[in-house]
C-alpha atoms as a PDB file:
ATOM      1  CA  MET A   1     -94.611 -49.851  31.303  1.00  0.00           C
ATOM      2  CA  PHE A   2     -95.076 -53.344  29.552  1.00  0.00           C
ATOM      3  CA  ARG A   3     -98.744 -52.474  29.213  1.00  0.00           C
ATOM      4  CA  ASP A   4     -97.996 -48.978  27.336  1.00  0.00           C
ATOM      5  CA  TYR A   5     -95.683 -50.408  24.846  1.00  0.00           C
ATOM      6  CA  LEU A   6     -98.054 -53.547  24.308  1.00  0.00           C
ATOM      7  CA  ARG A   7    -100.758 -50.647  23.413  1.00  0.00           C
ATOM      8  CA  LEU A   8     -98.280 -49.210  21.260  1.00  0.00           C
ATOM      9  CA  MET A   9     -97.738 -52.397  19.428  1.00  0.00           C
ATOM     10  CA  VAL A  10    -101.265 -53.357  19.102  1.00  0.00           C
ATOM     11  CA  PHE A  11    -101.968 -49.496  17.699  1.00  0.00           C
ATOM     12  CA  ALA A  12     -99.100 -50.123  15.400  1.00  0.00           C
ATOM     13  CA  VAL A  13    -100.345 -53.299  14.151  1.00  0.00           C
ATOM     14  CA  GLY A  14    -103.869 -52.079  13.565  1.00  0.00           C
ATOM     15  CA  LEU A  15    -102.529 -48.952  12.087  1.00  0.00           C
ATOM     16  CA  LEU A  16    -100.624 -51.218   9.437  1.00  0.00           C
ATOM     17  CA  LEU A  17    -103.995 -53.114   8.850  1.00  0.00           C
ATOM     18  CA  GLY A  18    -105.827 -49.968   8.444  1.00  0.00           C
ATOM     19  CA  VAL A  19    -103.929 -48.610   5.709  1.00  0.00           C
ATOM     20  CA  GLN A  20    -104.281 -51.794   3.527  1.00  0.00           C
ATOM     21  CA  VAL A  21    -108.167 -50.945   3.421  1.00  0.00           C
ATOM     22  CA  PRO A  22    -107.900 -48.309   0.592  1.00  0.00           C
ATOM     23  CA  GLY A  23    -105.210 -50.352  -0.909  1.00  0.00           C
ATOM     24  CA  LEU A  24    -107.150 -53.478  -1.134  1.00  0.00           C
ATOM     25  CA  ILE A  25    -110.361 -51.529  -2.263  1.00  0.00           C
ATOM     26  CA  ASP A  26    -108.185 -49.714  -5.178  1.00  0.00           C
ATOM     27  CA  GLN A  27    -106.691 -52.914  -6.575  1.00  0.00           C
ATOM     28  CA  TYR A  28    -110.268 -54.737  -6.564  1.00  0.00           C
ATOM     29  CA  GLN A  29    -111.367 -51.683  -8.322  1.00  0.00           C
ATOM     30  CA  LYS A  30    -108.495 -51.827 -10.845  1.00  0.00           C
ATOM     31  CA  ARG A  31    -109.069 -55.978 -11.361  1.00  0.00           C
ATOM     32  CA  VAL A  32    -113.070 -55.351 -12.051  1.00  0.00           C
ATOM     33  CA  ASP A  33    -112.140 -52.501 -14.774  1.00  0.00           C
ATOM     34  CA  ALA A  34    -109.727 -55.051 -16.230  1.00  0.00           C
ATOM     35  CA  HIS A  35    -112.089 -57.729 -16.682  1.00  0.00           C
ATOM     36  CA  LEU A  36    -115.014 -55.324 -17.871  1.00  0.00           C
ATOM     37  CA  GLN A  37    -112.708 -54.016 -20.669  1.00  0.00           C
ATOM     38  CA  GLU A  38    -111.865 -57.591 -21.651  1.00  0.00           C
ATOM     39  CA  ALA A  39    -115.301 -58.669 -21.539  1.00  0.00           C
ATOM     40  CA  GLY A  40    -116.373 -55.774 -23.683  1.00  0.00           C
ATOM     41  CA  GLN A  41    -113.537 -56.297 -26.261  1.00  0.00           C
ATOM     42  CA  ASN A  42    -114.691 -59.994 -26.576  1.00  0.00           C
ATOM     43  CA  LEU A  43    -118.330 -58.842 -27.302  1.00  0.00           C
ATOM     44  CA  GLN A  44    -117.283 -55.904 -29.551  1.00  0.00           C
ATOM     45  CA  ALA A  45    -117.430 -58.095 -32.943  1.00  0.00           C
ATOM     46  CA  PHE A  46    -120.889 -59.475 -31.784  1.00  0.00           C
ATOM     47  CA  GLN A  47    -122.139 -56.027 -30.832  1.00  0.00           C
ATOM     48  CA  LEU A  48    -121.628 -54.864 -34.187  1.00  0.00           C
ATOM     49  CA  THR A  49    -123.536 -57.772 -35.616  1.00  0.00           C
ATOM     50  CA  ALA A  50    -126.195 -56.680 -33.268  1.00  0.00           C
ATOM     51  CA  ASP A  51    -126.038 -53.241 -34.306  1.00  0.00           C
ATOM     52  CA  LYS A  52    -126.241 -54.264 -37.849  1.00  0.00           C
ATOM     53  CA  TYR A  53    -129.285 -56.870 -37.692  1.00  0.00           C
ATOM     54  CA  PHE A  54    -131.124 -56.507 -34.441  1.00  0.00           C
ATOM     55  CA  LYS A  55    -131.186 -53.268 -33.483  1.00  0.00           C
ATOM     56  CA  GLY A  56    -128.243 -53.184 -31.193  1.00  0.00           C
ATOM     57  CA  ASP A  57    -130.164 -56.183 -29.160  1.00  0.00           C
ATOM     58  CA  LEU A  58    -127.459 -58.434 -28.270  1.00  0.00           C
ATOM     59  CA  GLN A  59    -129.611 -60.826 -26.511  1.00  0.00           C
ATOM     60  CA  ALA A  60    -131.511 -61.041 -29.564  1.00  0.00           C
ATOM     61  CA  LEU A  61    -128.346 -61.987 -31.809  1.00  0.00           C
ATOM     62  CA  ILE A  62    -127.763 -64.689 -28.965  1.00  0.00           C
ATOM     63  CA  GLN A  63    -131.238 -65.914 -29.054  1.00  0.00           C
ATOM     64  CA  HIS A  64    -130.758 -65.925 -32.939  1.00  0.00           C
ATOM     65  CA  TYR A  65    -127.582 -68.065 -32.907  1.00  0.00           C
ATOM     66  CA  ALA A  66    -129.250 -70.426 -30.380  1.00  0.00           C
ATOM     67  CA  ASP A  67    -132.220 -70.798 -32.454  1.00  0.00           C
ATOM     68  CA  SER A  68    -130.238 -71.494 -35.345  1.00  0.00           C
ATOM     69  CA  ASP A  69    -130.175 -75.128 -37.308  1.00  0.00           C
ATOM     70  CA  ASP A  70    -126.458 -74.805 -37.577  1.00  0.00           C
ATOM     71  CA  PRO A  71    -124.687 -76.822 -34.772  1.00  0.00           C
ATOM     72  CA  VAL A  72    -121.708 -73.893 -35.063  1.00  0.00           C
ATOM     73  CA  PHE A  73    -124.191 -71.025 -34.100  1.00  0.00           C
ATOM     74  CA  GLN A  74    -125.625 -72.702 -31.481  1.00  0.00           C
ATOM     75  CA  ALA A  75    -122.502 -73.656 -29.771  1.00  0.00           C
ATOM     76  CA  ASP A  76    -121.339 -69.902 -30.327  1.00  0.00           C
ATOM     77  CA  SER A  77    -124.649 -68.931 -28.432  1.00  0.00           C
ATOM     78  CA  VAL A  78    -123.322 -70.771 -25.718  1.00  0.00           C
ATOM     79  CA  SER A  79    -119.975 -69.068 -25.611  1.00  0.00           C
ATOM     80  CA  VAL A  80    -121.422 -65.680 -26.444  1.00  0.00           C
ATOM     81  CA  ARG A  81    -123.906 -65.814 -23.717  1.00  0.00           C
ATOM     82  CA  ALA A  82    -121.397 -66.504 -20.999  1.00  0.00           C
ATOM     83  CA  VAL A  83    -119.168 -63.959 -22.277  1.00  0.00           C
ATOM     84  CA  TYR A  84    -122.331 -61.309 -22.209  1.00  0.00           C
ATOM     85  CA  GLN A  85    -123.286 -62.505 -18.714  1.00  0.00           C
ATOM     86  CA  ARG A  86    -119.738 -62.062 -17.431  1.00  0.00           C
ATOM     87  CA  TYR A  87    -119.934 -58.328 -19.050  1.00  0.00           C
ATOM     88  CA  GLN A  88    -122.808 -57.669 -16.866  1.00  0.00           C
ATOM     89  CA  VAL A  89    -121.659 -58.899 -14.090  1.00  0.00           C
ATOM     90  CA  PHE A  90    -118.483 -56.879 -14.202  1.00  0.00           C
ATOM     91  CA  THR A  91    -120.565 -53.693 -15.194  1.00  0.00           C
ATOM     92  CA  ALA A  92    -122.982 -54.339 -12.188  1.00  0.00           C
ATOM     93  CA  GLU A  93    -119.838 -54.647  -9.742  1.00  0.00           C
ATOM     94  CA  GLN A  94    -118.400 -51.568 -11.434  1.00  0.00           C
ATOM     95  CA  ARG A  95    -121.320 -49.591 -10.602  1.00  0.00           C
ATOM     96  CA  ALA A  96    -121.360 -50.751  -7.039  1.00  0.00           C
ATOM     97  CA  LEU A  97    -117.922 -49.821  -6.747  1.00  0.00           C
ATOM     98  CA  GLN A  98    -118.792 -45.912  -7.483  1.00  0.00           C
ATOM     99  CA  GLN A  99    -120.623 -45.023  -4.235  1.00  0.00           C
ATOM    100  CA  PRO A 100    -119.538 -43.087  -1.388  1.00  0.00           C
ATOM    101  CA  TRP A 101    -116.414 -44.502   0.615  1.00  0.00           C
ATOM    102  CA  TYR A 102    -118.724 -46.041   3.085  1.00  0.00           C
ATOM    103  CA  GLY A 103    -121.074 -47.654   0.614  1.00  0.00           C
ATOM    104  CA  VAL A 104    -118.090 -49.019  -1.365  1.00  0.00           C
ATOM    105  CA  THR A 105    -116.544 -50.767   1.966  1.00  0.00           C
ATOM    106  CA  TRP A 106    -119.938 -52.245   2.763  1.00  0.00           C
ATOM    107  CA  HIS A 107    -120.092 -53.591  -0.665  1.00  0.00           C
ATOM    108  CA  MET A 108    -116.844 -55.154  -0.304  1.00  0.00           C
ATOM    109  CA  LEU A 109    -117.522 -56.566   3.261  1.00  0.00           C
ATOM    110  CA  VAL A 110    -121.004 -58.123   2.084  1.00  0.00           C
ATOM    111  CA  ALA A 111    -121.643 -58.301  -1.436  1.00  0.00           C
ATOM    112  CA  ALA A 112    -118.231 -58.232  -3.564  1.00  0.00           C
ATOM    113  CA  ASN A 113    -117.946 -60.704  -6.116  1.00  0.00           C
ATOM    114  CA  ARG A 114    -116.238 -63.569  -4.443  1.00  0.00           C
ATOM    115  CA  SER A 115    -114.186 -64.739  -7.316  1.00  0.00           C
ATOM    116  CA  LEU A 116    -112.581 -61.215  -7.831  1.00  0.00           C
ATOM    117  CA  LEU A 117    -112.212 -60.673  -4.500  1.00  0.00           C
ATOM    118  CA  GLN A 118    -110.272 -63.856  -4.124  1.00  0.00           C
ATOM    119  CA  GLU A 119    -108.252 -62.939  -6.935  1.00  0.00           C
ATOM    120  CA  THR A 120    -107.385 -59.703  -5.656  1.00  0.00           C
ATOM    121  CA  LEU A 121    -106.504 -61.069  -2.635  1.00  0.00           C
ATOM    122  CA  ASN A 122    -104.284 -63.591  -3.788  1.00  0.00           C
ATOM    123  CA  GLN A 123    -102.479 -61.221  -6.250  1.00  0.00           C
ATOM    124  CA  TYR A 124    -102.456 -58.341  -3.372  1.00  0.00           C
ATOM    125  CA  SER A 125     -99.380 -56.427  -2.955  1.00  0.00           C
ATOM    126  CA  TYR A 126     -99.025 -54.701   0.271  1.00  0.00           C
ATOM    127  CA  THR A 127     -98.471 -51.090   0.183  1.00  0.00           C
ATOM    128  CA  VAL A 128     -98.234 -48.030   2.833  1.00  0.00           C
ATOM    129  CA  PRO A 129     -99.738 -45.434   1.134  1.00  0.00           C
ATOM    130  CA  LEU A 130     -99.806 -42.013   2.594  1.00  0.00           C
ATOM    131  CA  THR A 131    -102.967 -40.743   0.949  1.00  0.00           C
ATOM    132  CA  PRO A 132    -105.404 -39.183   3.408  1.00  0.00           C
ATOM    133  CA  SER A 133    -108.050 -42.115   3.019  1.00  0.00           C
ATOM    134  CA  ALA A 134    -105.225 -44.712   3.918  1.00  0.00           C
ATOM    135  CA  ILE A 135    -104.184 -42.460   6.871  1.00  0.00           C
ATOM    136  CA  GLY A 136    -107.856 -42.078   8.161  1.00  0.00           C
ATOM    137  CA  TRP A 137    -108.342 -45.713   8.101  1.00  0.00           C
ATOM    138  CA  GLY A 138    -105.007 -46.519   9.701  1.00  0.00           C
ATOM    139  CA  VAL A 139    -105.626 -44.409  12.473  1.00  0.00           C
ATOM    140  CA  ALA A 140    -109.084 -45.609  13.018  1.00  0.00           C
ATOM    141  CA  VAL A 141    -108.280 -49.541  13.367  1.00  0.00           C
ATOM    142  CA  GLY A 142    -105.263 -48.616  15.104  1.00  0.00           C
ATOM    143  CA  PHE A 143    -107.376 -46.696  17.728  1.00  0.00           C
ATOM    144  CA  LEU A 144    -110.169 -49.179  17.402  1.00  0.00           C
ATOM    145  CA  ALA A 145    -107.816 -52.388  17.691  1.00  0.00           C
ATOM    146  CA  SER A 146    -105.977 -50.634  20.597  1.00  0.00           C
ATOM    147  CA  PHE A 147    -109.624 -49.595  22.471  1.00  0.00           C
ATOM    148  CA  LEU A 148    -110.685 -53.268  22.234  1.00  0.00           C
ATOM    149  CA  ILE A 149    -107.677 -54.788  23.295  1.00  0.00           C
ATOM    150  CA  GLU A 150    -107.446 -52.485  26.299  1.00  0.00           C
ATOM    151  CA  LEU A 151    -111.386 -53.264  27.003  1.00  0.00           C
ATOM    152  CA  PHE A 152    -110.619 -56.884  26.832  1.00  0.00           C
ATOM    153  CA  VAL A 153    -107.854 -56.920  29.260  1.00  0.00           C
ATOM    154  CA  LEU A 154    -109.528 -54.488  31.672  1.00  0.00           C
ATOM    155  CA  LEU A 155    -112.985 -56.804  31.775  1.00  0.00           C
ATOM    156  CA  LEU A 156    -110.678 -59.984  31.960  1.00  0.00           C
ATOM    157  CA  ALA A 157    -108.656 -58.657  35.017  1.00  0.00           C
ATOM    158  CA  ARG A 158    -111.756 -57.316  36.710  1.00  0.00           C
ATOM    159  CA  ILE A 159    -113.591 -61.046  35.984  1.00  0.00           C
ATOM    160  CA  VAL A 160    -110.353 -62.685  37.425  1.00  0.00           C
ATOM    161  CA  GLY A 161    -109.925 -60.161  39.963  1.00  0.00           C
ATOM    162  CA  ILE A 162    -106.790 -58.470  39.957  1.00  0.00           C
ATOM    163  CA  GLY A 163    -105.630 -55.048  39.190  1.00  0.00           C
ATOM    164  CA  PRO A 164    -106.837 -51.620  40.284  1.00  0.00           C
ATOM    165  CA  PHE A 165    -110.726 -52.323  39.021  1.00  0.00           C
ATOM    166  CA  SER A 166    -110.857 -55.821  40.259  1.00  0.00           C
ATOM    167  CA  ARG A 167    -113.797 -56.220  42.617  1.00  0.00           C
ATOM    168  CA  ARG A 168    -111.578 -56.625  45.394  1.00  0.00           C
ATOM    169  CA  ALA A 169    -109.906 -53.432  45.058  1.00  0.00           C
ATOM    170  CA  GLY A 170    -113.233 -51.544  46.019  1.00  0.00           C
ATOM    171  CA  GLN A 171    -113.379 -53.487  49.246  1.00  0.00           C
ATOM    172  CA  LEU A 172    -111.157 -52.858  52.284  1.00  0.00           C
END
């Protein structure tokens, strides 16, 4: 009986953890979008200048600033280049998050931007969404956690030699 309650508790914890996956991904996507919009706004005036004088080539504008004899323009080239590089990073990250759910999940596990992921985790607000994907994740993680714990306990019981599945139980 205790084992049944333990199994239910493990499933419940797994369920609650599983429903957090879509919420975490959603909050990460929103953070990426917010940073991308901010970087885009910071580049907007420079892009207008690049459109006017360099056929829209922002890198040519940055290089022009860097090659200038004016130390103010040289210093600005470093700042503009940094904002442009951030914009490119966020653009690539947003593109990676527009895959099917399994691609996004894999990206989050192995290739997510570490600083953005850490920001998201630091500011994460736990939710229990009742969306189909959250329910699916919750049930899957709950089942997997219950199954793996049960398997571990049964293997441990077999190794230790207790319970109905022990090596001794088959020998009379």
